[in-house]
Amino acid sequence: MPTLKHKQKAVCPRCGHTLLTYRHNETQITMAMASSAVVLLILSLQFDFLTFKLNGQHHSVDLWSALAVLVQNDYLSLAIVTGLATVILPAVLLIGIFWLMWARLTHHYAPYLRRIYNTVMLALPWCMAEIFLVGILVSLIKITTLAEVEIGPSFYTYIGFTLTMSIALFYFDASQTAYWVHGKKVPKQKAITPVVASKSIQRTWALLFTATILYIPANTLPIMNTNIFGKNEPNTIIGGVISLWEMGSYPIALVILVASVVVPVAKIFILAWLNFIVQTGMLDNPKVLTQYYRLVEWIGRWSMIDVFVVAMLVALIQLGNTLSIYPGPAAMAFCAVVFITMIAAMTFDARLIWQNRKSVV
C-alpha cells in the first residue's frame, strides 16, 4: 500500500470499505478533542440542564437528577440505559481514545493497549450522546406547547461535549490504531467454516425473531403516560407522531416516524433478507448487499430518539397532579427492540456475503 497523503484514504477495490485514512496531525487533533469533550462532559454534570415552569410551579433538573427521577418512578432499567449511553460509556470511550493517542504520540507501546483498544471498540456503538441531544430538542418542542422552559448552562456544555466528541471520532482511525496496537501486524480473524457460518446465521435468526415479538408491545402499549389534573392520558409511539403532526410540528413528526417506526421495521426486514440470502447461497451482487448491511448497521441506533424523549420528559415534567409524565411499558420494549437489532447486525458475519458456495449450512 502506498504512503497516503493528507485527506487520502485507502479503499477496498472489491467492497468499497475504507481501510485506512490519513489527515495531518490527526493524532494531536483527536487527543485535543477527546480531552476537551471529557472536560465539557464533566461541566455538563455540574449545573442545571433544563427548568420547567407552569402556573407558578417549577422543576429544575441536571443530568444526574434526571436519572434519579427515573429511578424514583420505578424505571431503574431506563435510568441505567440512559446513563450508560449518554454519560458513562462516552466518558470511557473518550478516555480510552485519549490514552491510545497519547501512547501513539509518545511512542509508548505496551501490550495492555490492546485491551484499551478493544474496550474503545466495544463501547463505540453504544455511545449515543448525539442521539440523546436530538431527543432533547424533540422534547423541547413538545414541552413548549405545555409551559415555559428555561435552558440551563449544562445544556450548552453538553452541546459542546457532543460536538467535540463527534470531531474526535471523525479523526479517530480505528483501523490504523488497531494496526499500531497489534505491533504492525494485522489481527487474525477466525476463519469462516460451515460451523462458524451456521452459528452466525442461527444467532441472527433468533435475535430477529425476538425483536419482531417485542416490536408488537412496543407499538401497541403506551410509551408514556401524561397525568393532567389527575386524568391519565396514555400515548403510543404512533399516537405521539399523530399529536406532533396535529400541532403543526411536521419535521419532528417525520423524524419520530422514521426513527421509531420505519427504521426498526426496515432493519429487521433487511437483516432477515440478508440472512436468508446468505443461508440459501443466492449471492448475486455481494457489493450491493454489503452496502445494505452497512446502512443497517449505521442507522439502527438512531431509533433510540423516542426512548430518550420519554426519559427527558419524565425527568423534567414532575409537578404532582397538576402535570406529570411517567414512562409506559412500551419504553423498555422498544429499547429492547433497538438493542437486539443492533446485536443482530453485530452477530451477522458480513464476510458470508462474499462466499462463493451455493449454501453455507
Protein backbone atom coordinates (compact mmCIF):
# COMPACT_ATOMS: atom_id res chain seq x y z
CA MET A 1 0.00 0.00 0.00
CA PRO A 2 1.47 3.42 -0.96
CA THR A 3 2.01 6.15 1.62
CA LEU A 4 -1.19 8.18 1.99
CA LYS A 5 -1.23 11.95 1.65
CA HIS A 6 -3.38 14.45 3.54
CA LYS A 7 -7.11 13.57 3.32
CA GLN A 8 -6.38 10.46 1.25
CA LYS A 9 -7.90 7.11 2.11
CA ALA A 10 -7.28 3.52 1.11
CA VAL A 11 -10.43 1.77 -0.09
CA CYS A 12 -11.02 -1.92 -0.75
CA PRO A 13 -11.49 -2.31 -4.54
CA ARG A 14 -13.99 -5.15 -4.06
CA CYS A 15 -16.44 -3.98 -1.39
CA GLY A 16 -15.65 -0.25 -1.13
CA HIS A 17 -14.80 -0.42 2.58
CA THR A 18 -12.42 2.29 3.83
CA LEU A 19 -9.33 0.54 5.16
CA LEU A 20 -7.18 3.49 6.27
CA THR A 21 -7.36 7.27 6.21
CA TYR A 22 -4.72 9.92 6.76
CA ARG A 23 -5.01 13.54 7.88
CA HIS A 24 -2.24 15.86 9.01
CA ASN A 25 -1.91 15.96 12.82
CA GLU A 26 -4.82 13.55 13.26
CA THR A 27 -3.33 12.11 16.47
CA GLN A 28 -2.92 15.56 18.06
CA ILE A 29 -6.39 16.72 16.96
CA THR A 30 -8.04 13.53 18.22
CA MET A 31 -6.24 13.91 21.54
CA ALA A 32 -7.25 17.56 21.91
CA MET A 33 -10.89 16.93 21.02
CA ALA A 34 -11.17 13.87 23.29
CA SER A 35 -9.74 15.75 26.29
CA SER A 36 -11.96 18.78 25.59
CA ALA A 37 -15.01 16.53 25.36
CA VAL A 38 -14.24 14.95 28.75
CA VAL A 39 -13.91 18.41 30.37
CA LEU A 40 -17.19 19.59 28.82
CA LEU A 41 -18.93 16.38 29.91
CA ILE A 42 -17.82 16.96 33.50
CA LEU A 43 -19.06 20.57 33.33
CA SER A 44 -22.42 19.43 31.94
CA LEU A 45 -22.97 17.41 35.12
CA GLN A 46 -22.45 20.36 37.47
CA PHE A 47 -25.28 22.77 36.64
CA ASP A 48 -28.99 22.88 35.81
CA PHE A 49 -29.84 21.31 32.47
CA LEU A 50 -33.46 22.41 31.96
CA THR A 51 -36.13 24.13 34.08
CA PHE A 52 -39.86 23.56 33.57
CA LYS A 53 -42.32 26.26 34.74
CA LEU A 54 -46.12 26.10 34.92
CA ASN A 55 -48.61 28.17 36.96
CA GLY A 56 -46.02 29.39 39.43
CA GLN A 57 -44.51 25.93 39.90
CA HIS A 58 -41.11 24.98 38.54
CA HIS A 59 -38.90 21.90 38.37
CA SER A 60 -35.19 22.01 37.50
CA VAL A 61 -33.05 19.00 36.63
CA ASP A 62 -29.41 18.28 35.88
CA LEU A 63 -28.30 15.08 34.20
CA TRP A 64 -27.80 13.13 37.45
CA SER A 65 -31.10 14.26 39.00
CA ALA A 66 -32.85 13.35 35.73
CA LEU A 67 -31.63 9.79 36.16
CA ALA A 68 -32.68 9.88 39.85
CA VAL A 69 -36.25 10.85 38.85
CA LEU A 70 -36.42 7.78 36.58
CA VAL A 71 -35.25 5.58 39.45
CA GLN A 72 -37.82 7.12 41.82
CA ASN A 73 -40.56 6.29 39.30
CA ASP A 74 -39.52 2.60 39.38
CA TYR A 75 -37.82 2.75 35.99
CA LEU A 76 -34.32 1.74 37.02
CA SER A 77 -33.72 -0.04 33.70
CA LEU A 78 -34.47 3.13 31.69
CA ALA A 79 -32.21 5.16 34.00
CA ILE A 80 -29.36 2.65 33.53
CA VAL A 81 -29.73 2.65 29.74
CA THR A 82 -29.86 6.46 29.56
CA GLY A 83 -26.93 6.93 31.96
CA LEU A 84 -24.74 4.40 30.19
CA ALA A 85 -25.47 5.62 26.66
CA THR A 86 -25.19 9.36 27.37
CA VAL A 87 -22.60 9.76 30.15
CA ILE A 88 -20.69 6.68 31.33
CA LEU A 89 -19.83 4.91 28.06
CA PRO A 90 -18.95 8.17 26.24
CA ALA A 91 -16.57 9.00 29.12
CA VAL A 92 -14.97 5.54 28.90
CA LEU A 93 -14.70 5.87 25.12
CA LEU A 94 -13.07 9.31 25.21
CA ILE A 95 -10.61 8.42 27.98
CA GLY A 96 -9.65 5.29 26.05
CA ILE A 97 -9.14 7.23 22.81
CA PHE A 98 -7.08 9.88 24.62
CA TRP A 99 -4.90 7.16 26.16
CA LEU A 100 -4.33 5.48 22.79
CA MET A 101 -3.49 8.76 21.05
CA TRP A 102 -1.12 9.78 23.85
CA ALA A 103 0.66 6.40 23.57
CA ARG A 104 0.99 6.81 19.78
CA LEU A 105 2.24 10.38 20.09
CA THR A 106 4.88 9.47 22.69
CA HIS A 107 5.73 6.12 21.01
CA HIS A 108 4.82 4.35 24.22
CA TYR A 109 3.84 0.84 23.16
CA ALA A 110 2.61 -1.73 25.69
CA PRO A 111 0.56 -4.94 25.34
CA TYR A 112 -2.21 -3.58 27.62
CA LEU A 113 -3.07 -1.04 24.91
CA ARG A 114 -4.80 -3.86 23.05
CA ARG A 115 -7.29 -4.19 25.92
CA ILE A 116 -7.88 -0.43 25.89
CA TYR A 117 -8.45 -0.55 22.13
CA ASN A 118 -10.89 -3.46 22.49
CA THR A 119 -12.77 -1.54 25.20
CA VAL A 120 -13.00 1.53 22.96
CA MET A 121 -14.35 -0.51 20.04
CA LEU A 122 -16.81 -2.31 22.33
CA ALA A 123 -18.17 0.99 23.73
CA LEU A 124 -18.27 2.84 20.39
CA PRO A 125 -21.64 1.63 19.00
CA TRP A 126 -23.39 2.12 22.37
CA CYS A 127 -22.38 5.78 22.86
CA MET A 128 -25.44 7.80 21.89
CA ALA A 129 -24.76 11.36 23.06
CA GLU A 130 -25.70 12.88 19.69
CA ILE A 131 -28.94 10.86 19.60
CA PHE A 132 -29.73 11.99 23.15
CA LEU A 133 -29.19 15.61 22.10
CA VAL A 134 -31.63 15.24 19.20
CA GLY A 135 -34.08 13.62 21.63
CA ILE A 136 -33.77 16.64 23.92
CA LEU A 137 -34.55 19.00 21.04
CA VAL A 138 -37.66 16.95 20.22
CA SER A 139 -38.63 17.06 23.91
CA LEU A 140 -38.29 20.85 23.98
CA ILE A 141 -40.71 21.18 21.06
CA LYS A 142 -43.23 19.03 22.92
CA ILE A 143 -42.72 20.81 26.24
CA THR A 144 -43.01 24.37 24.91
CA THR A 145 -46.63 23.63 23.94
CA LEU A 146 -47.38 22.90 27.61
CA ALA A 147 -45.42 25.51 29.58
CA GLU A 148 -42.30 27.65 29.77
CA VAL A 149 -38.87 26.04 29.58
CA GLU A 150 -35.56 27.61 30.57
CA ILE A 151 -32.27 26.25 29.27
CA GLY A 152 -29.51 25.90 31.85
CA PRO A 153 -25.73 26.20 31.36
CA SER A 154 -25.29 22.41 31.37
CA PHE A 155 -27.37 22.19 28.21
CA TYR A 156 -24.86 24.34 26.32
CA THR A 157 -21.85 22.47 27.70
CA TYR A 158 -23.48 19.17 26.68
CA ILE A 159 -23.83 20.52 23.13
CA GLY A 160 -20.12 21.41 23.21
CA PHE A 161 -19.34 17.93 24.54
CA THR A 162 -21.31 16.29 21.73
CA LEU A 163 -19.60 18.40 19.05
CA THR A 164 -16.06 17.81 20.34
CA MET A 165 -16.71 14.08 20.76
CA SER A 166 -18.02 13.88 17.19
CA ILE A 167 -14.87 15.61 15.90
CA ALA A 168 -12.68 13.26 17.95
CA LEU A 169 -14.46 10.22 16.48
CA PHE A 170 -14.18 11.71 12.97
CA TYR A 171 -10.39 11.94 13.29
CA PHE A 172 -10.02 8.64 15.15
CA ASP A 173 -8.95 5.97 12.65
CA ALA A 174 -9.86 2.65 14.25
CA SER A 175 -8.13 0.54 11.59
CA GLN A 176 -4.85 2.45 11.79
CA THR A 177 -4.96 2.30 15.60
CA ALA A 178 -5.60 -1.45 15.51
CA TYR A 179 -2.62 -1.88 13.16
CA TRP A 180 -0.43 0.02 15.65
CA VAL A 181 -1.59 -1.60 18.90
CA HIS A 182 -1.10 -5.07 17.42
CA GLY A 183 2.55 -4.37 16.71
CA LYS A 184 2.19 -3.55 12.99
CA LYS A 185 0.55 -6.91 12.39
CA VAL A 186 -2.92 -7.46 11.02
CA PRO A 187 -5.03 -9.13 13.77
CA LYS A 188 -6.01 -12.68 12.89
CA GLN A 189 -9.68 -13.37 12.29
CA LYS A 190 -11.47 -16.61 12.90
CA ALA A 191 -11.78 -18.49 9.62
CA ILE A 192 -15.25 -18.98 8.15
CA THR A 193 -16.06 -22.65 8.42
CA PRO A 194 -19.51 -24.24 7.94
CA VAL A 195 -19.86 -24.41 11.74
CA VAL A 196 -18.98 -20.72 12.20
CA ALA A 197 -21.34 -19.72 9.37
CA SER A 198 -24.17 -21.82 10.78
CA LYS A 199 -23.81 -20.28 14.26
CA SER A 200 -23.82 -16.76 12.81
CA ILE A 201 -26.98 -17.42 10.81
CA GLN A 202 -28.81 -19.16 13.67
CA ARG A 203 -27.99 -16.41 16.17
CA THR A 204 -29.14 -13.72 13.76
CA TRP A 205 -32.45 -15.51 13.12
CA ALA A 206 -33.02 -15.94 16.87
CA LEU A 207 -32.34 -12.26 17.59
CA LEU A 208 -34.51 -11.07 14.71
CA PHE A 209 -37.38 -13.29 15.85
CA THR A 210 -37.06 -11.90 19.39
CA ALA A 211 -37.01 -8.31 18.10
CA THR A 212 -40.12 -8.97 15.99
CA ILE A 213 -42.02 -10.32 19.00
CA LEU A 214 -41.01 -7.34 21.16
CA TYR A 215 -41.93 -4.87 18.42
CA ILE A 216 -45.63 -5.71 18.93
CA PRO A 217 -45.93 -4.48 22.56
CA ALA A 218 -43.50 -1.63 21.75
CA ASN A 219 -46.08 -0.19 19.33
CA THR A 220 -49.38 -1.26 20.89
CA LEU A 221 -48.70 -0.39 24.55
CA PRO A 222 -48.28 3.23 25.76
CA ILE A 223 -44.70 4.52 25.68
CA MET A 224 -45.58 7.25 28.21
CA ASN A 225 -48.50 8.36 30.37
CA THR A 226 -49.42 12.02 30.83
CA ASN A 227 -51.21 12.92 34.08
CA ILE A 228 -53.08 16.26 33.76
CA PHE A 229 -55.08 17.29 36.87
CA GLY A 230 -55.46 13.66 37.88
CA LYS A 231 -56.54 12.45 34.43
CA ASN A 232 -54.26 9.87 32.82
CA GLU A 233 -53.67 10.06 29.06
CA PRO A 234 -51.59 7.20 27.60
CA ASN A 235 -49.58 7.81 24.42
CA THR A 236 -48.28 5.20 22.00
CA ILE A 237 -45.45 5.84 19.53
CA ILE A 238 -47.89 6.33 16.64
CA GLY A 239 -50.11 8.45 18.88
CA GLY A 240 -47.17 10.72 19.63
CA VAL A 241 -46.42 11.11 15.92
CA ILE A 242 -50.07 11.99 15.23
CA SER A 243 -50.08 14.55 18.08
CA LEU A 244 -46.96 16.26 16.74
CA TRP A 245 -48.45 16.35 13.26
CA GLU A 246 -51.69 17.90 14.54
CA MET A 247 -49.62 20.50 16.44
CA GLY A 248 -48.00 21.52 13.15
CA SER A 249 -44.55 20.12 14.05
CA TYR A 250 -44.29 18.29 10.73
CA PRO A 251 -40.47 17.88 10.58
CA ILE A 252 -40.33 16.49 14.16
CA ALA A 253 -43.27 14.18 13.48
CA LEU A 254 -41.48 12.82 10.41
CA VAL A 255 -38.23 12.35 12.36
CA ILE A 256 -40.02 10.32 15.07
CA LEU A 257 -41.97 8.36 12.44
CA VAL A 258 -38.82 7.43 10.53
CA ALA A 259 -36.66 6.73 13.60
CA SER A 260 -39.27 4.83 15.66
CA VAL A 261 -41.35 3.06 13.01
CA VAL A 262 -39.67 2.94 9.60
CA VAL A 263 -36.07 2.27 10.71
CA PRO A 264 -36.76 -0.66 13.11
CA VAL A 265 -39.06 -2.40 10.60
CA ALA A 266 -36.64 -1.80 7.72
CA LYS A 267 -33.72 -3.04 9.78
CA ILE A 268 -35.50 -6.29 10.70
CA PHE A 269 -36.57 -6.92 7.10
CA ILE A 270 -33.17 -6.12 5.56
CA LEU A 271 -31.25 -8.25 8.09
CA ALA A 272 -33.72 -11.12 7.58
CA TRP A 273 -33.32 -10.76 3.81
CA LEU A 274 -29.51 -10.76 4.04
CA ASN A 275 -29.54 -13.73 6.41
CA PHE A 276 -31.85 -15.66 4.08
CA ILE A 277 -29.69 -14.88 1.05
CA VAL A 278 -26.54 -15.99 2.87
CA GLN A 279 -28.23 -19.16 4.09
CA THR A 280 -29.52 -20.13 0.64
CA GLY A 281 -26.35 -19.06 -1.19
CA MET A 282 -28.07 -16.63 -3.59
CA LEU A 283 -25.17 -14.18 -3.54
CA ASP A 284 -25.60 -12.46 -6.91
CA ASN A 285 -24.36 -8.94 -6.10
CA PRO A 286 -22.26 -9.02 -2.93
CA LYS A 287 -21.14 -5.38 -3.19
CA VAL A 288 -24.73 -4.08 -3.12
CA LEU A 289 -25.64 -6.49 -0.30
CA THR A 290 -22.67 -5.23 1.71
CA GLN A 291 -23.83 -1.64 1.24
CA TYR A 292 -27.28 -2.58 2.56
CA TYR A 293 -25.67 -4.20 5.58
CA ARG A 294 -23.51 -1.16 6.36
CA LEU A 295 -26.54 1.13 6.09
CA VAL A 296 -28.49 -1.03 8.54
CA GLU A 297 -25.53 -1.22 10.91
CA TRP A 298 -25.14 2.58 10.94
CA ILE A 299 -28.75 3.77 11.12
CA GLY A 300 -30.22 1.32 13.63
CA ARG A 301 -29.08 3.12 16.80
CA TRP A 302 -30.96 6.31 15.83
CA SER A 303 -34.22 4.62 16.79
CA MET A 304 -33.29 5.42 20.41
CA ILE A 305 -34.51 9.01 19.88
CA ASP A 306 -38.01 8.20 21.14
CA VAL A 307 -36.67 6.44 24.25
CA PHE A 308 -34.54 9.47 25.15
CA VAL A 309 -37.52 11.79 24.53
CA VAL A 310 -39.52 9.80 27.08
CA ALA A 311 -36.63 9.77 29.57
CA MET A 312 -36.21 13.57 29.38
CA LEU A 313 -39.94 14.32 29.57
CA VAL A 314 -40.34 12.05 32.60
CA ALA A 315 -37.34 13.62 34.34
CA LEU A 316 -38.45 17.20 33.69
CA ILE A 317 -42.23 17.23 33.95
CA GLN A 318 -42.98 16.24 37.55
CA LEU A 319 -45.49 18.70 39.07
CA GLY A 320 -47.69 16.28 41.00
CA ASN A 321 -51.37 16.12 39.96
CA THR A 322 -51.06 19.37 38.02
CA LEU A 323 -48.95 17.86 35.25
CA SER A 324 -46.69 14.83 35.35
CA ILE A 325 -45.37 12.37 32.78
CA TYR A 326 -44.48 8.75 33.50
CA PRO A 327 -42.87 6.10 31.27
CA GLY A 328 -45.10 3.40 29.85
CA PRO A 329 -44.36 -0.32 29.42
CA ALA A 330 -43.57 0.18 25.72
CA ALA A 331 -40.48 2.26 26.54
CA MET A 332 -38.30 -0.66 27.58
CA ALA A 333 -39.87 -2.97 25.00
CA PHE A 334 -38.90 -0.55 22.25
CA CYS A 335 -35.46 -0.06 23.81
CA ALA A 336 -35.01 -3.84 23.73
CA VAL A 337 -36.01 -3.91 20.04
CA VAL A 338 -33.31 -1.36 19.21
CA PHE A 339 -30.61 -3.14 21.21
CA ILE A 340 -31.48 -6.62 19.94
CA THR A 341 -31.45 -5.49 16.30
CA MET A 342 -28.08 -3.82 16.90
CA ILE A 343 -26.73 -7.09 18.34
CA ALA A 344 -28.27 -8.98 15.41
CA ALA A 345 -26.32 -6.75 13.00
CA MET A 346 -23.15 -7.47 15.00
CA THR A 347 -23.67 -11.25 15.05
CA PHE A 348 -24.34 -11.34 11.31
CA ASP A 349 -20.99 -12.12 9.69
CA ALA A 350 -20.81 -9.84 6.65
CA ARG A 351 -17.96 -11.93 5.24
CA LEU A 352 -20.54 -14.60 4.42
CA ILE A 353 -21.92 -12.30 1.72
CA TRP A 354 -18.71 -12.87 -0.23
CA GLN A 355 -18.76 -16.67 -0.02
CA ASN A 356 -18.99 -18.46 -3.35
CA ARG A 357 -20.63 -21.59 -2.01
CA LYS A 358 -24.20 -22.35 -3.00
CA SER A 359 -25.09 -22.97 0.64
CA VAL A 360 -23.22 -22.29 3.88
CA VAL A 361 -25.30 -24.60 6.08
